Amino acid sequence: MQSKERKKKGRHERNKLNVRQLPSLTVPGVYSDGGGLYVRVRPSGTRSWLYVYTLNGVRKEMGLGSLLDVTLARARDRAAAAREKLLDGEDPMAAKRVAKAISSTQSETPPVTFGQYATEWIDSIEDGFKNPKHRQQWRNTLTTYAASMWAMPIADIATEHVVAVLQPIWLTKAETASRVRGRIERVLDAAKAAGLRTGENPAVWRGHLSLLLPSQSKIKVEHHAALPFTEITAFMKELAKRPGTSARALEFTILTAARSGETRGMTWGEVDLDAKLWTVPAGRMKAGAMHEVPLSDAAVAILEAIRPKEIDPDQIVFPAPRGGSMSDMALSQLLKRMKRGGITVHGFRSTFRDWVGELTDFDREVVEMALAHTIGSAVELAYRRGRALGKRRDLMTAWAEYCQAAA
């Protein structure tokens, strides 16, 4: 009798969802049905079943299909089957791969194309991208520049096909071409690991494509045009007279030596005005690591002036006129209106660096951390561990004072 009650209780603990609830699960997140079965709703709107388990101390996630194709009852059956595998000492995901491989060899299905696999693989590593924009850039570069390979069986992609994609843009769009090559290489590596290809990767650079394509090292690198630091005080006085959100965003960007995108995507939840600290999350940083920016009094004053009465942590600090983040052209257009079209927003980071080198004695490691550059020597790592916030605060205060000194 007690055994029956325990079984009944176990089923009740597992069956937390019902069929009528499923259509209402639209907010991104993970929803539990119990027993390791979950519904995952992604920001893109896709909804899928997920079985989560631990094997040998390692947490694993096993996809069970989308909500459009798999019913709640069927998902529970699949989760139960996976649990049975675990009880027998088997890895459910490994067993699933073996069954799929056997099924694919027994059935006469059309070959997987490069485009099909690239799309599925990018979707499968969705959580590994910094943000949706980065994920879309991956898709765009491959669909645009690797279009000639898109419909080809991925097992048949050879060196000549990769070279044909890269040659037209190798010297004219060097940076883009390098990204395309690297992304093709990763897709083909993943396809080989999945058993869809054999042999060497035809997109490998060293010792392979490096012998077939010309060197890009002699291509002239265009540096971001910078304002001489001796002119920054006069420029800041002129900028302060300009009304509008773009002007305040540019002021703030210069005072913090930040990248334009970091300022444009800044939310009120990232700012602690009492501590005079701006914390940029890893997902918005170029190096993929959280970055703390000590705010000078001048930078805080800008934020205080535009601070809303009621703060929403997700609200953009410097929004576009129609809401949301302003475009990367907004600050560039402001410079043109100021008759400063010959310099770039990013160039102000060079202005800051030149000022430090010419007029101050601040350590290079402190400056590199202020610019959110990756540092890696033993001494530099010691600075990173301590974050050097105090020293960086002194640096940013000195920079603000120089920017706003009497002309």
Protein backbone atom coordinates (compact mmCIF):
# COMPACT_ATOMS: atom_id res chain seq x y z
CA MET A 1 0.00 0.00 0.00
CA GLN A 2 2.81 2.39 0.92
CA SER A 3 4.66 1.52 -2.30
CA LYS A 4 1.62 2.48 -4.38
CA GLU A 5 1.31 5.76 -2.50
CA ARG A 6 5.00 6.55 -3.14
CA LYS A 7 4.59 5.85 -6.86
CA LYS A 8 1.49 8.02 -6.99
CA LYS A 9 3.31 10.80 -5.14
CA GLY A 10 6.32 10.51 -7.53
CA ARG A 11 4.06 10.90 -10.56
CA HIS A 12 2.41 13.92 -8.97
CA GLU A 13 5.78 15.59 -8.27
CA ARG A 14 6.85 15.01 -11.85
CA ASN A 15 3.69 16.06 -13.66
CA LYS A 16 3.75 19.78 -12.87
CA LEU A 17 2.60 20.99 -16.29
CA ASN A 18 -0.62 20.36 -18.15
CA VAL A 19 -1.62 20.64 -21.80
CA ARG A 20 -3.59 23.86 -21.27
CA GLN A 21 -0.55 25.60 -19.74
CA LEU A 22 1.80 24.97 -22.66
CA PRO A 23 0.50 27.70 -25.04
CA SER A 24 0.97 30.32 -22.29
CA LEU A 25 4.68 29.54 -21.83
CA THR A 26 6.06 32.38 -23.95
CA VAL A 27 8.39 34.28 -21.59
CA PRO A 28 12.04 33.21 -22.17
CA GLY A 29 13.16 30.80 -19.49
CA VAL A 30 13.05 27.15 -18.36
CA TYR A 31 9.88 25.56 -16.96
CA SER A 32 9.97 22.30 -15.01
CA ASP A 33 7.59 19.36 -15.37
CA GLY A 34 9.58 17.44 -12.75
CA GLY A 35 11.74 14.37 -13.06
CA GLY A 36 14.32 16.20 -15.15
CA LEU A 37 11.85 17.21 -17.89
CA TYR A 38 11.73 20.91 -18.82
CA VAL A 39 10.33 23.29 -21.41
CA ARG A 40 12.90 25.80 -22.67
CA VAL A 41 11.63 29.05 -24.20
CA ARG A 42 14.38 30.95 -26.02
CA PRO A 43 14.42 34.73 -26.66
CA SER A 44 13.86 33.93 -30.35
CA GLY A 45 10.49 32.40 -29.45
CA THR A 46 11.39 28.76 -30.13
CA ARG A 47 10.10 26.31 -27.50
CA SER A 48 11.49 22.84 -26.97
CA TRP A 49 11.53 19.91 -24.55
CA LEU A 50 14.65 19.26 -22.53
CA TYR A 51 15.74 16.41 -20.30
CA VAL A 52 18.41 17.39 -17.73
CA TYR A 53 20.42 14.77 -15.87
CA THR A 54 23.77 14.26 -14.15
CA LEU A 55 26.16 11.45 -15.06
CA ASN A 56 29.50 10.95 -13.34
CA GLY A 57 29.17 14.38 -11.77
CA VAL A 58 28.61 16.09 -15.15
CA ARG A 59 25.36 17.93 -15.86
CA LYS A 60 23.94 17.20 -19.33
CA GLU A 61 21.02 18.51 -21.36
CA MET A 62 19.25 16.26 -23.87
CA GLY A 63 16.86 17.70 -26.43
CA LEU A 64 13.55 15.85 -26.82
CA GLY A 65 12.04 17.86 -29.68
CA SER A 66 10.01 21.02 -30.12
CA LEU A 67 6.61 21.69 -28.56
CA LEU A 68 5.16 21.87 -32.07
CA ASP A 69 6.16 18.29 -32.86
CA VAL A 70 6.15 16.52 -29.49
CA THR A 71 3.14 16.35 -27.18
CA LEU A 72 3.39 16.58 -23.40
CA ALA A 73 2.59 12.88 -23.05
CA ARG A 74 5.21 11.93 -25.63
CA ALA A 75 7.82 14.15 -23.95
CA ARG A 76 7.14 12.43 -20.63
CA ASP A 77 7.54 9.03 -22.30
CA ARG A 78 10.89 10.09 -23.76
CA ALA A 79 12.05 11.45 -20.39
CA ALA A 80 10.97 8.19 -18.71
CA ALA A 81 12.92 6.18 -21.31
CA ALA A 82 16.00 8.33 -20.63
CA ARG A 83 15.64 7.74 -16.89
CA GLU A 84 15.53 3.99 -17.56
CA LYS A 85 18.80 4.27 -19.49
CA LEU A 86 20.39 6.04 -16.53
CA LEU A 87 19.21 3.34 -14.13
CA ASP A 88 20.88 0.77 -16.41
CA GLY A 89 24.13 2.74 -16.28
CA GLU A 90 23.84 4.09 -19.84
CA ASP A 91 24.22 7.67 -21.06
CA PRO A 92 20.85 8.56 -22.71
CA MET A 93 22.47 11.05 -25.09
CA ALA A 94 25.12 8.55 -26.22
CA ALA A 95 22.46 5.91 -26.76
CA LYS A 96 20.41 8.40 -28.79
CA ARG A 97 23.40 9.23 -31.02
CA VAL A 98 24.13 5.57 -31.68
CA ALA A 99 20.48 4.89 -32.56
CA LYS A 100 20.42 7.90 -34.87
CA ALA A 101 23.64 6.82 -36.58
CA ILE A 102 22.30 3.32 -37.16
CA SER A 103 19.02 4.71 -38.46
CA SER A 104 20.77 7.09 -40.85
CA THR A 105 22.92 4.31 -42.33
CA GLN A 106 19.90 2.08 -42.83
CA SER A 107 17.69 4.70 -44.52
CA GLU A 108 18.28 6.24 -47.92
CA THR A 109 18.07 9.90 -47.00
CA PRO A 110 19.48 12.76 -49.10
CA PRO A 111 22.94 13.96 -47.99
CA VAL A 112 23.17 16.80 -45.47
CA THR A 113 24.13 20.03 -47.20
CA PHE A 114 26.59 22.62 -45.90
CA GLY A 115 23.72 25.10 -45.47
CA GLN A 116 21.53 22.66 -43.56
CA TYR A 117 24.25 21.67 -41.15
CA ALA A 118 25.57 25.22 -40.67
CA THR A 119 22.08 26.44 -39.77
CA GLU A 120 21.42 23.58 -37.34
CA TRP A 121 24.84 23.85 -35.74
CA ILE A 122 24.58 27.62 -35.17
CA ASP A 123 21.15 27.03 -33.58
CA SER A 124 22.60 24.32 -31.34
CA ILE A 125 25.31 26.60 -29.92
CA GLU A 126 22.93 29.57 -29.55
CA ASP A 127 23.71 30.03 -25.85
CA GLY A 128 27.42 30.31 -26.59
CA PHE A 129 27.09 33.61 -28.46
CA LYS A 130 27.56 36.90 -26.65
CA ASN A 131 24.31 38.30 -27.98
CA PRO A 132 21.70 37.77 -30.74
CA LYS A 133 23.54 40.24 -32.99
CA HIS A 134 26.70 38.11 -32.90
CA ARG A 135 24.68 35.00 -33.75
CA GLN A 136 23.04 36.79 -36.69
CA GLN A 137 26.47 37.95 -37.93
CA TRP A 138 27.55 34.32 -38.12
CA ARG A 139 24.54 33.43 -40.23
CA ASN A 140 24.86 36.51 -42.44
CA THR A 141 28.54 36.02 -43.29
CA LEU A 142 28.03 32.38 -44.23
CA THR A 143 24.85 32.89 -46.27
CA THR A 144 26.36 35.90 -48.05
CA TYR A 145 29.90 34.79 -48.79
CA ALA A 146 29.60 30.98 -48.73
CA ALA A 147 26.46 30.91 -50.88
CA SER A 148 28.18 28.78 -53.55
CA MET A 149 28.65 25.97 -50.97
CA TRP A 150 25.22 26.28 -49.35
CA ALA A 151 23.47 23.53 -51.32
CA MET A 152 26.49 21.23 -51.60
CA PRO A 153 26.68 18.02 -49.54
CA ILE A 154 28.85 18.91 -46.56
CA ALA A 155 30.82 15.68 -47.03
CA ASP A 156 31.92 16.89 -50.49
CA ILE A 157 33.27 20.34 -49.51
CA ALA A 158 36.88 20.44 -50.68
CA THR A 159 39.76 22.92 -50.79
CA GLU A 160 38.81 24.30 -54.21
CA HIS A 161 35.34 25.20 -52.96
CA VAL A 162 36.69 27.09 -49.93
CA VAL A 163 39.26 28.92 -52.07
CA ALA A 164 36.53 29.91 -54.55
CA VAL A 165 34.60 31.51 -51.68
CA LEU A 166 37.59 33.37 -50.23
CA GLN A 167 39.55 34.55 -53.27
CA PRO A 168 37.16 37.35 -54.38
CA ILE A 169 37.26 39.03 -50.94
CA TRP A 170 40.62 37.94 -49.56
CA LEU A 171 42.42 41.23 -50.22
CA THR A 172 39.52 43.65 -50.72
CA LYS A 173 37.68 42.65 -47.52
CA ALA A 174 40.52 41.13 -45.53
CA GLU A 175 38.92 41.14 -42.08
CA THR A 176 35.61 39.78 -43.35
CA ALA A 177 37.40 37.10 -45.40
CA SER A 178 39.35 35.93 -42.35
CA ARG A 179 36.12 35.64 -40.36
CA VAL A 180 34.41 33.70 -43.15
CA ARG A 181 37.33 31.27 -43.36
CA GLY A 182 37.35 30.74 -39.59
CA ARG A 183 33.60 30.15 -39.50
CA ILE A 184 33.70 27.68 -42.37
CA GLU A 185 36.52 25.85 -40.56
CA ARG A 186 34.47 25.57 -37.36
CA VAL A 187 31.36 24.32 -39.18
CA LEU A 188 33.39 21.65 -41.02
CA ASP A 189 35.14 20.62 -37.78
CA ALA A 190 31.76 20.17 -36.10
CA ALA A 191 30.46 18.19 -39.10
CA LYS A 192 33.45 15.85 -38.85
CA ALA A 193 32.84 15.35 -35.13
CA ALA A 194 29.22 14.52 -35.97
CA GLY A 195 30.34 11.85 -38.44
CA LEU A 196 29.24 13.76 -41.56
CA ARG A 197 32.76 14.24 -42.93
CA THR A 198 36.12 12.48 -43.00
CA GLY A 199 39.67 13.63 -43.71
CA GLU A 200 41.41 16.95 -43.13
CA ASN A 201 39.53 20.23 -42.86
CA PRO A 202 39.92 22.12 -46.19
CA ALA A 203 39.45 25.49 -44.47
CA VAL A 204 42.50 25.17 -42.19
CA TRP A 205 44.86 28.11 -42.62
CA ARG A 206 48.30 27.08 -41.39
CA GLY A 207 50.10 24.72 -43.73
CA HIS A 208 47.17 24.60 -46.12
CA LEU A 209 45.29 27.70 -47.28
CA SER A 210 48.30 29.78 -46.25
CA LEU A 211 50.10 28.19 -49.21
CA LEU A 212 47.28 28.97 -51.66
CA LEU A 213 46.15 32.49 -50.72
CA PRO A 214 48.31 35.65 -50.63
CA SER A 215 49.42 37.11 -47.31
CA GLN A 216 47.19 39.82 -45.85
CA SER A 217 50.01 41.21 -43.68
CA LYS A 218 50.95 43.90 -46.22
CA ILE A 219 47.44 45.31 -46.42
CA LYS A 220 47.36 48.82 -45.01
CA VAL A 221 45.53 48.95 -41.69
CA GLU A 222 43.35 52.01 -41.28
CA HIS A 223 43.59 53.33 -37.74
CA HIS A 224 40.79 55.26 -36.12
CA ALA A 225 41.43 58.99 -36.63
CA ALA A 226 41.95 60.62 -33.24
CA LEU A 227 41.77 64.16 -31.90
CA PRO A 228 45.13 65.39 -30.53
CA PHE A 229 44.91 65.40 -26.73
CA THR A 230 46.01 69.05 -26.67
CA GLU A 231 42.66 69.92 -28.33
CA ILE A 232 40.38 67.86 -26.09
CA THR A 233 39.64 70.68 -23.60
CA ALA A 234 38.39 73.04 -26.31
CA PHE A 235 36.45 70.22 -27.92
CA MET A 236 34.72 69.30 -24.64
CA LYS A 237 33.74 72.97 -24.06
CA GLU A 238 32.17 73.03 -27.53
CA LEU A 239 30.46 69.68 -26.96
CA ALA A 240 28.99 70.80 -23.61
CA LYS A 241 27.09 73.58 -25.40
CA ARG A 242 25.38 71.06 -27.67
CA PRO A 243 21.91 69.88 -26.57
CA GLY A 244 20.58 66.38 -27.06
CA THR A 245 21.17 62.80 -25.98
CA SER A 246 23.88 62.17 -28.59
CA ALA A 247 26.01 65.00 -27.18
CA ARG A 248 25.68 63.69 -23.61
CA ALA A 249 26.45 60.14 -24.76
CA LEU A 250 29.60 61.32 -26.54
CA GLU A 251 30.69 63.33 -23.48
CA PHE A 252 30.20 60.29 -21.27
CA THR A 253 32.04 58.03 -23.74
CA ILE A 254 35.06 60.35 -23.80
CA LEU A 255 35.16 60.78 -20.00
CA THR A 256 35.07 57.01 -19.44
CA ALA A 257 37.35 56.06 -22.40
CA ALA A 258 34.64 53.54 -23.31
CA ARG A 259 33.76 52.05 -26.66
CA SER A 260 30.77 53.57 -28.40
CA GLY A 261 28.73 50.35 -28.24
CA GLU A 262 29.28 50.02 -24.50
CA THR A 263 27.79 53.49 -23.93
CA ARG A 264 24.94 53.09 -26.41
CA GLY A 265 23.81 49.81 -24.84
CA MET A 266 24.20 51.03 -21.25
CA THR A 267 21.20 50.51 -18.93
CA TRP A 268 20.41 52.12 -15.60
CA GLY A 269 20.74 48.72 -13.93
CA GLU A 270 24.46 48.78 -14.72
CA VAL A 271 25.03 52.05 -12.84
CA ASP A 272 25.64 52.55 -9.12
CA LEU A 273 25.65 56.32 -8.66
CA ASP A 274 26.34 56.09 -4.94
CA ALA A 275 29.47 53.99 -5.53
CA LYS A 276 30.28 55.98 -8.70
CA LEU A 277 30.67 52.72 -10.60
CA TRP A 278 29.46 51.47 -13.98
CA THR A 279 29.54 47.66 -14.37
CA VAL A 280 29.33 46.47 -17.97
CA PRO A 281 28.23 42.81 -18.17
CA ALA A 282 30.43 40.30 -19.99
CA GLY A 283 27.89 39.85 -22.76
CA ARG A 284 28.35 43.45 -23.88
CA MET A 285 32.15 43.52 -23.75
CA LYS A 286 34.45 42.83 -26.69
CA ALA A 287 36.67 40.55 -24.58
CA GLY A 288 33.66 38.72 -23.12
CA ALA A 289 34.54 39.61 -19.52
CA MET A 290 32.73 41.89 -17.08
CA HIS A 291 34.25 45.39 -16.94
CA GLU A 292 34.00 47.87 -14.05
CA VAL A 293 34.37 51.57 -14.85
CA PRO A 294 35.05 54.02 -11.99
CA LEU A 295 33.07 57.19 -12.71
CA SER A 296 34.58 60.63 -12.24
CA ASP A 297 32.45 63.41 -10.78
CA ALA A 298 32.05 64.84 -14.29
CA ALA A 299 30.70 61.51 -15.61
CA VAL A 300 28.34 61.18 -12.63
CA ALA A 301 27.07 64.72 -13.23
CA ILE A 302 26.02 63.77 -16.78
CA LEU A 303 24.06 60.79 -15.44
CA GLU A 304 22.48 62.81 -12.65
CA ALA A 305 21.30 65.42 -15.16
CA ILE A 306 19.43 62.88 -17.30
CA ARG A 307 18.39 60.50 -14.53
CA PRO A 308 14.62 59.75 -14.66
CA LYS A 309 12.50 60.11 -11.52
CA GLU A 310 11.63 56.43 -11.55
CA ILE A 311 14.46 54.20 -12.73
CA ASP A 312 13.79 51.02 -14.69
CA PRO A 313 16.96 48.86 -14.50
CA ASP A 314 16.44 47.71 -18.11
CA GLN A 315 15.96 51.25 -19.44
CA ILE A 316 18.63 52.52 -21.85
CA VAL A 317 20.56 55.46 -20.35
CA PHE A 318 21.13 57.21 -23.69
CA PRO A 319 18.11 56.16 -25.79
CA ALA A 320 17.41 56.89 -29.44
CA PRO A 321 14.66 59.47 -30.15
CA ARG A 322 12.18 56.67 -30.86
CA GLY A 323 13.32 54.48 -27.99
CA GLY A 324 15.84 51.66 -27.74
CA SER A 325 19.56 51.99 -28.30
CA MET A 326 20.80 54.75 -30.58
CA SER A 327 22.58 53.61 -33.75
CA ASP A 328 26.35 53.59 -34.15
CA MET A 329 25.95 56.42 -36.67
CA ALA A 330 24.36 58.82 -34.16
CA LEU A 331 27.65 59.89 -32.58
CA SER A 332 29.48 59.95 -35.92
CA GLN A 333 26.84 62.27 -37.36
CA LEU A 334 27.24 64.53 -34.32
CA LEU A 335 30.97 64.84 -35.06
CA LYS A 336 30.16 65.80 -38.65
CA ARG A 337 27.75 68.49 -37.48
CA MET A 338 30.56 69.83 -35.29
CA LYS A 339 32.80 69.98 -38.39
CA ARG A 340 34.89 67.17 -36.93
CA GLY A 341 34.19 64.58 -39.63
CA GLY A 342 37.90 63.74 -39.86
CA ILE A 343 37.94 62.03 -36.46
CA THR A 344 36.10 58.99 -35.14
CA VAL A 345 34.37 58.21 -31.85
CA HIS A 346 36.70 55.27 -31.27
CA GLY A 347 39.63 57.62 -31.83
CA PHE A 348 38.98 59.31 -28.49
CA ARG A 349 40.37 56.18 -26.82
CA SER A 350 43.64 56.91 -28.61
CA THR A 351 43.39 60.54 -27.47
CA PHE A 352 43.08 59.27 -23.89
CA ARG A 353 46.02 56.88 -24.30
CA ASP A 354 48.24 59.61 -25.83
CA TRP A 355 47.41 61.96 -22.95
CA VAL A 356 48.34 59.27 -20.41
CA GLY A 357 51.64 58.56 -22.13
CA GLU A 358 52.65 62.19 -22.60
CA LEU A 359 51.48 63.94 -19.46
CA THR A 360 51.04 61.36 -16.66
CA ASP A 361 52.95 58.67 -14.77
CA PHE A 362 50.14 56.11 -14.51
CA ASP A 363 51.24 52.48 -14.96
CA ARG A 364 50.60 50.89 -18.33
CA GLU A 365 48.68 48.03 -16.67
CA VAL A 366 46.24 50.50 -15.10
CA VAL A 367 45.70 52.17 -18.47
CA GLU A 368 45.15 48.84 -20.25
CA MET A 369 42.54 47.88 -17.66
CA ALA A 370 40.83 51.25 -18.05
CA LEU A 371 40.59 50.54 -21.79
CA ALA A 372 39.26 47.00 -21.07
CA HIS A 373 42.15 45.41 -22.93
CA THR A 374 43.09 41.81 -22.20
CA ILE A 375 46.29 41.53 -20.19
CA GLY A 376 48.12 38.32 -19.44
CA SER A 377 51.61 38.51 -17.91
CA ALA A 378 52.16 37.60 -14.27
CA VAL A 379 52.34 41.24 -13.19
CA GLU A 380 49.33 42.18 -15.30
CA LEU A 381 47.28 39.29 -13.92
CA ALA A 382 48.06 40.49 -10.41
CA TYR A 383 46.56 43.85 -11.33
CA ARG A 384 43.55 42.10 -12.78
CA ARG A 385 42.95 40.13 -9.58
CA GLY A 386 42.98 43.33 -7.55
CA ARG A 387 41.03 45.16 -10.30
CA ALA A 388 43.08 48.29 -9.37
CA LEU A 389 39.84 50.20 -8.95
CA GLY A 390 41.42 52.83 -6.74
CA LYS A 391 44.21 53.55 -9.20
CA ARG A 392 41.80 53.55 -12.13
CA ARG A 393 39.52 55.95 -10.27
CA ASP A 394 42.46 58.34 -9.84
CA LEU A 395 43.23 57.96 -13.55
CA MET A 396 39.68 58.72 -14.70
CA THR A 397 39.43 61.69 -12.31
CA ALA A 398 42.68 63.14 -13.70
CA TRP A 399 41.41 62.61 -17.26
CA ALA A 400 38.11 64.35 -16.52
CA GLU A 401 39.92 67.28 -14.91
CA TYR A 402 42.16 67.62 -17.97
CA CYS A 403 39.18 67.42 -20.34
CA GLN A 404 37.28 70.10 -18.47
CA ALA A 405 40.18 72.37 -17.46
CA ALA A 406 39.98 76.05 -18.36
CA ALA A 407 41.14 76.48 -21.94
